[in-house]
C-alpha atoms as a PDB file:
ATOM      1  CA  UNK A   1      59.252 194.216  43.802  1.00  0.00           C
ATOM      2  CA  UNK A   2      63.251 194.871  43.961  1.00  0.00           C
ATOM      3  CA  UNK A   3      63.129 194.493  47.692  1.00  0.00           C
ATOM      4  CA  UNK A   4      61.257 191.005  47.475  1.00  0.00           C
ATOM      5  CA  UNK A   5      64.046 190.173  45.137  1.00  0.00           C
ATOM      6  CA  UNK A   6      66.906 190.932  47.150  1.00  0.00           C
ATOM      7  CA  UNK A   7      65.603 189.121  50.248  1.00  0.00           C
ATOM      8  CA  UNK A   8      65.313 186.024  47.991  1.00  0.00           C
ATOM      9  CA  UNK A   9      69.363 186.460  46.982  1.00  0.00           C
ATOM     10  CA  UNK A  10      70.218 187.051  50.501  1.00  0.00           C
ATOM     11  CA  UNK A  11      68.627 183.805  51.510  1.00  0.00           C
ATOM     12  CA  UNK A  12      70.103 182.143  48.849  1.00  0.00           C
ATOM     13  CA  UNK A  13      73.408 183.229  49.719  1.00  0.00           C
ATOM     14  CA  UNK A  14      73.072 182.623  52.986  1.00  0.00           C
ATOM     15  CA  UNK A  15      72.127 178.903  52.427  1.00  0.00           C
ATOM     16  CA  UNK A  16      75.280 178.958  50.240  1.00  0.00           C
ATOM     17  CA  UNK A  17      77.787 179.730  53.049  1.00  0.00           C
ATOM     18  CA  UNK A  18      75.869 177.438  55.606  1.00  0.00           C
ATOM     19  CA  UNK A  19      76.687 174.565  52.999  1.00  0.00           C
ATOM     20  CA  UNK A  20      80.148 175.544  52.622  1.00  0.00           C
ATOM     21  CA  UNK A  21      80.878 175.876  56.195  1.00  0.00           C
ATOM     22  CA  UNK A  22      79.642 172.416  56.466  1.00  0.00           C
ATOM     23  CA  UNK A  23      81.882 170.875  53.762  1.00  0.00           C
ATOM     24  CA  UNK A  24      84.725 172.500  55.256  1.00  0.00           C
ATOM     25  CA  UNK A  25      84.158 170.944  58.739  1.00  0.00           C
ATOM     26  CA  UNK A  26      83.407 167.639  57.360  1.00  0.00           C
ATOM     27  CA  UNK A  27      86.752 168.138  55.616  1.00  0.00           C
ATOM     28  CA  UNK A  28      88.327 169.139  58.529  1.00  0.00           C
ATOM     29  CA  UNK A  29      86.953 165.796  60.616  1.00  0.00           C
ATOM     30  CA  UNK A  30      88.670 163.449  57.958  1.00  0.00           C
ATOM     31  CA  UNK A  31      91.761 164.696  58.083  1.00  0.00           C
ATOM     32  CA  UNK A  32      91.968 164.897  61.866  1.00  0.00           C
ATOM     33  CA  UNK A  33      90.796 161.544  62.765  1.00  0.00           C
ATOM     34  CA  UNK A  34      93.089 159.093  61.068  1.00  0.00           C
ATOM     35  CA  UNK A  35      92.864 155.403  61.230  1.00  0.00           C
ATOM     36  CA  UNK A  36      95.733 153.964  63.696  1.00  0.00           C
ATOM     37  CA  UNK A  37      98.694 151.858  61.684  1.00  0.00           C
ATOM     38  CA  UNK A  38      99.172 148.298  63.021  1.00  0.00           C
ATOM     39  CA  UNK A  39     102.494 146.618  63.413  1.00  0.00           C
ATOM     40  CA  UNK A  40     101.784 142.957  63.840  1.00  0.00           C
ATOM     41  CA  UNK A  41      99.193 142.722  66.870  1.00  0.00           C
ATOM     42  CA  UNK A  42     100.683 145.888  68.589  1.00  0.00           C
ATOM     43  CA  UNK A  43      98.537 149.312  67.425  1.00  0.00           C
ATOM     44  CA  UNK A  44     101.113 152.528  66.776  1.00  0.00           C
ATOM     45  CA  UNK A  45     100.027 155.543  68.586  1.00  0.00           C
ATOM     46  CA  UNK A  46     101.371 158.593  66.805  1.00  0.00           C
ATOM     47  CA  UNK A  47     100.245 162.071  68.127  1.00  0.00           C
ATOM     48  CA  UNK A  48     100.099 164.805  66.227  1.00  0.00           C
ATOM     49  CA  UNK A  49      99.583 168.279  66.659  1.00  0.00           C
ATOM     50  CA  UNK A  50      96.106 169.126  65.621  1.00  0.00           C
ATOM     51  CA  UNK A  51      95.073 165.341  64.961  1.00  0.00           C
ATOM     52  CA  UNK A  52      92.526 163.342  67.257  1.00  0.00           C
ATOM     53  CA  UNK A  53      93.612 159.647  67.736  1.00  0.00           C
ATOM     54  CA  UNK A  54      90.859 157.384  69.024  1.00  0.00           C
ATOM     55  CA  UNK A  55      92.680 153.984  69.808  1.00  0.00           C
ATOM     56  CA  UNK A  56      90.844 150.753  69.516  1.00  0.00           C
ATOM     57  CA  UNK A  57      91.184 148.777  72.190  1.00  0.00           C
ATOM     58  CA  UNK A  58      91.342 144.877  71.112  1.00  0.00           C
ATOM     59  CA  UNK A  59      89.424 142.519  73.755  1.00  0.00           C
ATOM     60  CA  UNK A  60      91.543 140.534  76.420  1.00  0.00           C
ATOM     61  CA  UNK A  61      90.408 136.932  77.008  1.00  0.00           C
ATOM     62  CA  UNK A  62      91.215 135.632  80.148  1.00  0.00           C
ATOM     63  CA  UNK A  63      93.328 132.264  80.323  1.00  0.00           C
ATOM     64  CA  UNK A  64      91.126 129.469  81.109  1.00  0.00           C
ATOM     65  CA  UNK A  65      92.111 127.922  84.579  1.00  0.00           C
ATOM     66  CA  UNK A  66      92.690 124.547  84.379  1.00  0.00           C
ATOM     67  CA  UNK A  67      92.083 122.194  87.543  1.00  0.00           C
ATOM     68  CA  UNK A  68      95.009 120.058  88.639  1.00  0.00           C
ATOM     69  CA  UNK A  69      93.225 118.570  91.726  1.00  0.00           C
ATOM     70  CA  UNK A  70      92.698 115.203  91.382  1.00  0.00           C
ATOM     71  CA  UNK A  71      89.520 113.258  91.660  1.00  0.00           C
ATOM     72  CA  UNK A  72      88.364 111.492  94.677  1.00  0.00           C
ATOM     73  CA  UNK A  73      88.584 108.001  92.891  1.00  0.00           C
ATOM     74  CA  UNK A  74      91.934 108.744  91.427  1.00  0.00           C
ATOM     75  CA  UNK A  75      92.926 109.754  95.570  1.00  0.00           C
ATOM     76  CA  UNK A  76      91.803 106.606  96.989  1.00  0.00           C
ATOM     77  CA  UNK A  77      93.338 104.681  94.243  1.00  0.00           C
ATOM     78  CA  UNK A  78      96.544 105.813  94.663  1.00  0.00           C
ATOM     79  CA  UNK A  79      96.219 105.862  98.436  1.00  0.00           C
ATOM     80  CA  UNK A  80      94.967 102.536  98.967  1.00  0.00           C
ATOM     81  CA  UNK A  81      96.895  99.624  97.557  1.00  0.00           C
ATOM     82  CA  UNK A  82      96.564  95.573  97.347  1.00  0.00           C
ATOM     83  CA  UNK A  83     100.221  95.082  97.643  1.00  0.00           C
ATOM     84  CA  UNK A  84     100.230  97.160 101.248  1.00  0.00           C
ATOM     85  CA  UNK A  85      96.957  94.453 102.441  1.00  0.00           C
ATOM     86  CA  UNK A  86      99.360  92.000 101.295  1.00  0.00           C
ATOM     87  CA  UNK A  87     102.270  92.943 103.431  1.00  0.00           C
ATOM     88  CA  UNK A  88     100.207  93.614 106.472  1.00  0.00           C
ATOM     89  CA  UNK A  89      98.249  90.720 106.570  1.00  0.00           C
ATOM     90  CA  UNK A  90     101.486  89.140 107.270  1.00  0.00           C
ATOM     91  CA  UNK A  91     100.245  89.963 110.976  1.00  0.00           C
ATOM     92  CA  UNK A  92      96.864  88.107 110.598  1.00  0.00           C
ATOM     93  CA  UNK A  93      93.792  90.738 110.534  1.00  0.00           C
ATOM     94  CA  UNK A  94      95.887  93.854 109.736  1.00  0.00           C
ATOM     95  CA  UNK A  95      95.235  93.652 106.340  1.00  0.00           C
ATOM     96  CA  UNK A  96      91.831  93.157 106.686  1.00  0.00           C
ATOM     97  CA  UNK A  97      91.956  96.297 109.152  1.00  0.00           C
ATOM     98  CA  UNK A  98      93.539  98.236 106.222  1.00  0.00           C
ATOM     99  CA  UNK A  99      90.836  97.310 103.962  1.00  0.00           C
ATOM    100  CA  UNK A 100      88.107  98.799 106.115  1.00  0.00           C
ATOM    101  CA  UNK A 101      87.100  95.216 107.350  1.00  0.00           C
ATOM    102  CA  UNK A 102      87.859  95.301 110.923  1.00  0.00           C
ATOM    103  CA  UNK A 103      84.546  92.889 111.757  1.00  0.00           C
ATOM    104  CA  UNK A 104      86.398  89.837 109.893  1.00  0.00           C
ATOM    105  CA  UNK A 105      89.254  90.178 112.608  1.00  0.00           C
ATOM    106  CA  UNK A 106      87.783  88.026 115.150  1.00  0.00           C
ATOM    107  CA  UNK A 107      86.818  85.511 112.527  1.00  0.00           C
ATOM    108  CA  UNK A 108      90.209  85.433 111.693  1.00  0.00           C
ATOM    109  CA  UNK A 109      91.549  84.897 115.500  1.00  0.00           C
ATOM    110  CA  UNK A 110      89.210  82.308 115.759  1.00  0.00           C
ATOM    111  CA  UNK A 111      90.356  80.202 113.007  1.00  0.00           C
ATOM    112  CA  UNK A 112      93.805  80.405 113.873  1.00  0.00           C
ATOM    113  CA  UNK A 113      93.138  80.198 117.594  1.00  0.00           C
ATOM    114  CA  UNK A 114      91.203  76.869 116.920  1.00  0.00           C
ATOM    115  CA  UNK A 115      93.983  75.280 114.538  1.00  0.00           C
ATOM    116  CA  UNK A 116      96.079  76.033 117.167  1.00  0.00           C
ATOM    117  CA  UNK A 117      94.255  74.023 119.848  1.00  0.00           C
ATOM    118  CA  UNK A 118      94.024  71.390 117.423  1.00  0.00           C
ATOM    119  CA  UNK A 119      97.584  71.253 116.572  1.00  0.00           C
ATOM    120  CA  UNK A 120      98.736  71.544 120.285  1.00  0.00           C
ATOM    121  CA  UNK A 121      96.317  68.442 121.190  1.00  0.00           C
ATOM    122  CA  UNK A 122      97.009  65.758 118.804  1.00  0.00           C
ATOM    123  CA  UNK A 123     100.937  66.759 119.544  1.00  0.00           C
ATOM    124  CA  UNK A 124     100.260  66.469 123.119  1.00  0.00           C
ATOM    125  CA  UNK A 125      98.535  62.925 122.646  1.00  0.00           C
ATOM    126  CA  UNK A 126     101.370  61.858 119.843  1.00  0.00           C
ATOM    127  CA  UNK A 127     103.917  62.444 122.404  1.00  0.00           C
ATOM    128  CA  UNK A 128     102.226  60.896 124.664  1.00  0.00           C
ATOM    129  CA  UNK A 129     101.341  57.737 122.926  1.00  0.00           C
ATOM    130  CA  UNK A 130     104.764  56.934 121.387  1.00  0.00           C
ATOM    131  CA  UNK A 131     106.571  57.751 125.198  1.00  0.00           C
ATOM    132  CA  UNK A 132     104.069  54.818 126.694  1.00  0.00           C
ATOM    133  CA  UNK A 133     104.796  52.546 123.645  1.00  0.00           C
ATOM    134  CA  UNK A 134     108.887  53.166 123.589  1.00  0.00           C
ATOM    135  CA  UNK A 135     108.407  52.716 127.609  1.00  0.00           C
ATOM    136  CA  UNK A 136     106.400  49.680 127.254  1.00  0.00           C
ATOM    137  CA  UNK A 137     109.242  48.207 124.637  1.00  0.00           C
ATOM    138  CA  UNK A 138     112.266  49.124 126.934  1.00  0.00           C
ATOM    139  CA  UNK A 139     111.180  48.343 130.405  1.00  0.00           C
ATOM    140  CA  UNK A 140     107.841  46.241 129.723  1.00  0.00           C
ATOM    141  CA  UNK A 141     105.600  48.664 132.148  1.00  0.00           C
ATOM    142  CA  UNK A 142     103.101  50.972 130.527  1.00  0.00           C
ATOM    143  CA  UNK A 143     102.969  54.901 131.345  1.00  0.00           C
ATOM    144  CA  UNK A 144      99.488  55.596 130.706  1.00  0.00           C
ATOM    145  CA  UNK A 145      97.286  53.573 133.681  1.00  0.00           C
ATOM    146  CA  UNK A 146      93.852  53.584 131.843  1.00  0.00           C
ATOM    147  CA  UNK A 147      95.577  51.810 128.580  1.00  0.00           C
ATOM    148  CA  UNK A 148      97.527  49.289 130.717  1.00  0.00           C
ATOM    149  CA  UNK A 149      95.417  46.451 129.349  1.00  0.00           C
ATOM    150  CA  UNK A 150      95.941  47.343 125.997  1.00  0.00           C
ATOM    151  CA  UNK A 151      98.324  45.765 123.697  1.00  0.00           C
ATOM    152  CA  UNK A 152     101.752  47.451 122.154  1.00  0.00           C
ATOM    153  CA  UNK A 153      99.780  46.836 118.497  1.00  0.00           C
ATOM    154  CA  UNK A 154      96.971  49.214 119.967  1.00  0.00           C
ATOM    155  CA  UNK A 155      99.392  51.770 121.605  1.00  0.00           C
ATOM    156  CA  UNK A 156     101.618  51.944 118.517  1.00  0.00           C
ATOM    157  CA  UNK A 157      98.409  52.842 116.327  1.00  0.00           C
ATOM    158  CA  UNK A 158      96.989  55.624 118.976  1.00  0.00           C
ATOM    159  CA  UNK A 159     100.637  56.981 118.088  1.00  0.00           C
ATOM    160  CA  UNK A 160     100.423  56.743 114.206  1.00  0.00           C
ATOM    161  CA  UNK A 161      96.860  57.911 114.419  1.00  0.00           C
ATOM    162  CA  UNK A 162      97.672  61.317 116.626  1.00  0.00           C
ATOM    163  CA  UNK A 163     100.506  61.792 114.511  1.00  0.00           C
ATOM    164  CA  UNK A 164      99.002  62.051 111.385  1.00  0.00           C
ATOM    165  CA  UNK A 165      96.149  64.398 112.920  1.00  0.00           C
ATOM    166  CA  UNK A 166      99.036  66.226 113.551  1.00  0.00           C
ATOM    167  CA  UNK A 167     100.495  67.002 110.318  1.00  0.00           C
ATOM    168  CA  UNK A 168      97.237  67.239 109.058  1.00  0.00           C
ATOM    169  CA  UNK A 169      96.368  70.305 111.271  1.00  0.00           C
ATOM    170  CA  UNK A 170      99.341  71.953 110.377  1.00  0.00           C
ATOM    171  CA  UNK A 171      98.399  71.563 107.022  1.00  0.00           C
ATOM    172  CA  UNK A 172      95.341  73.104 107.518  1.00  0.00           C
ATOM    173  CA  UNK A 173      96.722  75.869 109.863  1.00  0.00           C
ATOM    174  CA  UNK A 174      98.931  77.028 106.866  1.00  0.00           C
ATOM    175  CA  UNK A 175      96.000  77.148 105.045  1.00  0.00           C
ATOM    176  CA  UNK A 176      93.867  79.420 107.027  1.00  0.00           C
ATOM    177  CA  UNK A 177      96.723  81.590 107.239  1.00  0.00           C
ATOM    178  CA  UNK A 178      97.240  81.979 103.435  1.00  0.00           C
ATOM    179  CA  UNK A 179      93.426  82.639 103.346  1.00  0.00           C
ATOM    180  CA  UNK A 180      94.162  85.320 105.752  1.00  0.00           C
ATOM    181  CA  UNK A 181      96.658  87.017 102.882  1.00  0.00           C
ATOM    182  CA  UNK A 182      94.751  86.034 100.293  1.00  0.00           C
ATOM    183  CA  UNK A 183      91.458  87.432 101.369  1.00  0.00           C
ATOM    184  CA  UNK A 184      93.689  90.716 102.484  1.00  0.00           C
ATOM    185  CA  UNK A 185      94.825  91.116  98.907  1.00  0.00           C
ATOM    186  CA  UNK A 186      91.635  90.060  97.063  1.00  0.00           C
ATOM    187  CA  UNK A 187      89.490  92.767  99.092  1.00  0.00           C
ATOM    188  CA  UNK A 188      92.806  95.358  98.297  1.00  0.00           C
ATOM    189  CA  UNK A 189      91.847  95.108  94.605  1.00  0.00           C
ATOM    190  CA  UNK A 190      88.357  95.757  94.633  1.00  0.00           C
ATOM    191  CA  UNK A 191      88.427  98.344  97.687  1.00  0.00           C
ATOM    192  CA  UNK A 192      87.452 100.929  95.085  1.00  0.00           C
ATOM    193  CA  UNK A 193      84.834  98.504  93.129  1.00  0.00           C
ATOM    194  CA  UNK A 194      81.537 100.337  92.984  1.00  0.00           C
ATOM    195  CA  UNK A 195      78.499  97.985  93.330  1.00  0.00           C
ATOM    196  CA  UNK A 196      75.141  99.684  92.406  1.00  0.00           C
ATOM    197  CA  UNK A 197      72.467  99.382  94.762  1.00  0.00           C
ATOM    198  CA  UNK A 198      69.831  98.799  92.400  1.00  0.00           C
ATOM    199  CA  UNK A 199      70.638  94.888  92.589  1.00  0.00           C
ATOM    200  CA  UNK A 200      67.119  92.637  91.750  1.00  0.00           C
ATOM    201  CA  UNK A 201      66.771  89.514  90.835  1.00  0.00           C
ATOM    202  CA  UNK A 202      63.445  88.583  88.734  1.00  0.00           C
ATOM    203  CA  UNK A 203      61.864  84.987  87.938  1.00  0.00           C
ATOM    204  CA  UNK A 204      59.489  85.034  85.151  1.00  0.00           C
ATOM    205  CA  UNK A 205      57.397  82.084  83.507  1.00  0.00           C
ATOM    206  CA  UNK A 206      58.403  81.599  79.353  1.00  0.00           C
ATOM    207  CA  UNK A 207      56.362  79.877  76.841  1.00  0.00           C
ATOM    208  CA  UNK A 208      59.549  78.331  74.406  1.00  0.00           C
ATOM    209  CA  UNK A 209      59.332  77.158  70.417  1.00  0.00           C
ATOM    210  CA  UNK A 210      60.886  73.958  70.500  1.00  0.00           C
ATOM    211  CA  UNK A 211      60.598  71.138  67.537  1.00  0.00           C
ATOM    212  CA  UNK A 212      58.532  68.063  68.358  1.00  0.00           C
ATOM    213  CA  UNK A 213      59.111  64.742  66.897  1.00  0.00           C
ATOM    214  CA  UNK A 214      56.413  65.219  64.658  1.00  0.00           C
ATOM    215  CA  UNK A 215      58.253  67.779  62.750  1.00  0.00           C
ATOM    216  CA  UNK A 216      56.364  70.946  63.843  1.00  0.00           C
ATOM    217  CA  UNK A 217      56.723  73.578  66.246  1.00  0.00           C
ATOM    218  CA  UNK A 218      56.040  72.939  69.636  1.00  0.00           C
ATOM    219  CA  UNK A 219      55.588  75.412  72.846  1.00  0.00           C
ATOM    220  CA  UNK A 220      57.364  74.058  76.204  1.00  0.00           C
ATOM    221  CA  UNK A 221      56.931  76.145  79.354  1.00  0.00           C
ATOM    222  CA  UNK A 222      60.269  77.219  81.015  1.00  0.00           C
ATOM    223  CA  UNK A 223      61.357  79.792  83.558  1.00  0.00           C
ATOM    224  CA  UNK A 224      63.413  82.615  82.879  1.00  0.00           C
ATOM    225  CA  UNK A 225      65.959  84.474  85.272  1.00  0.00           C
ATOM    226  CA  UNK A 226      66.666  88.349  84.811  1.00  0.00           C
ATOM    227  CA  UNK A 227      69.425  89.586  86.559  1.00  0.00           C
ATOM    228  CA  UNK A 228      69.954  93.822  86.892  1.00  0.00           C
ATOM    229  CA  UNK A 229      73.174  95.124  88.798  1.00  0.00           C
END
């Protein structure tokens, strides 16, 4: 009986010793692992002889990269200028080539060439009938054999007619040249204008309500036009 009591006493003493050791280890751990003091956003690391310092790392954020490359639309709008197209159009067709419309160049030169021919033809006939009329007045003999039977008044009227045509051709030629410059300038502004490929038009029959002469409502047929662009 005494031996059994002694064994129980030893077990209790052993359990008590283990509990005291566990408390001592826990107290030692709390003394050696200390929180790090902070100054602003920086951690102050202070190592002691028996201490264990566990620094806490602050997550770093990567700087967001800002793209400085301009979009193709902005580049094209900066590179292409309507004023440049206008200056280049001083040479007929150069502004159209700058706008990417080289197919207009033959049209421009065909119009200018036609007007140049008409100007030269009317000027030549005007000069010829003028010399013929002056020679008739001064010397009494005609210069143009095929018009020898015509009176002086008819020769003078022919001169006036070709003179007016010559002046008119000069004005039209200036208009063609100006139209070349206007075309280059306008399409220089429209160079970056985007037109949707989904361009359509539809016509649908409709019935529209209207007031009749008797004071009631009447339905009248009509057509509806829808443009999609």
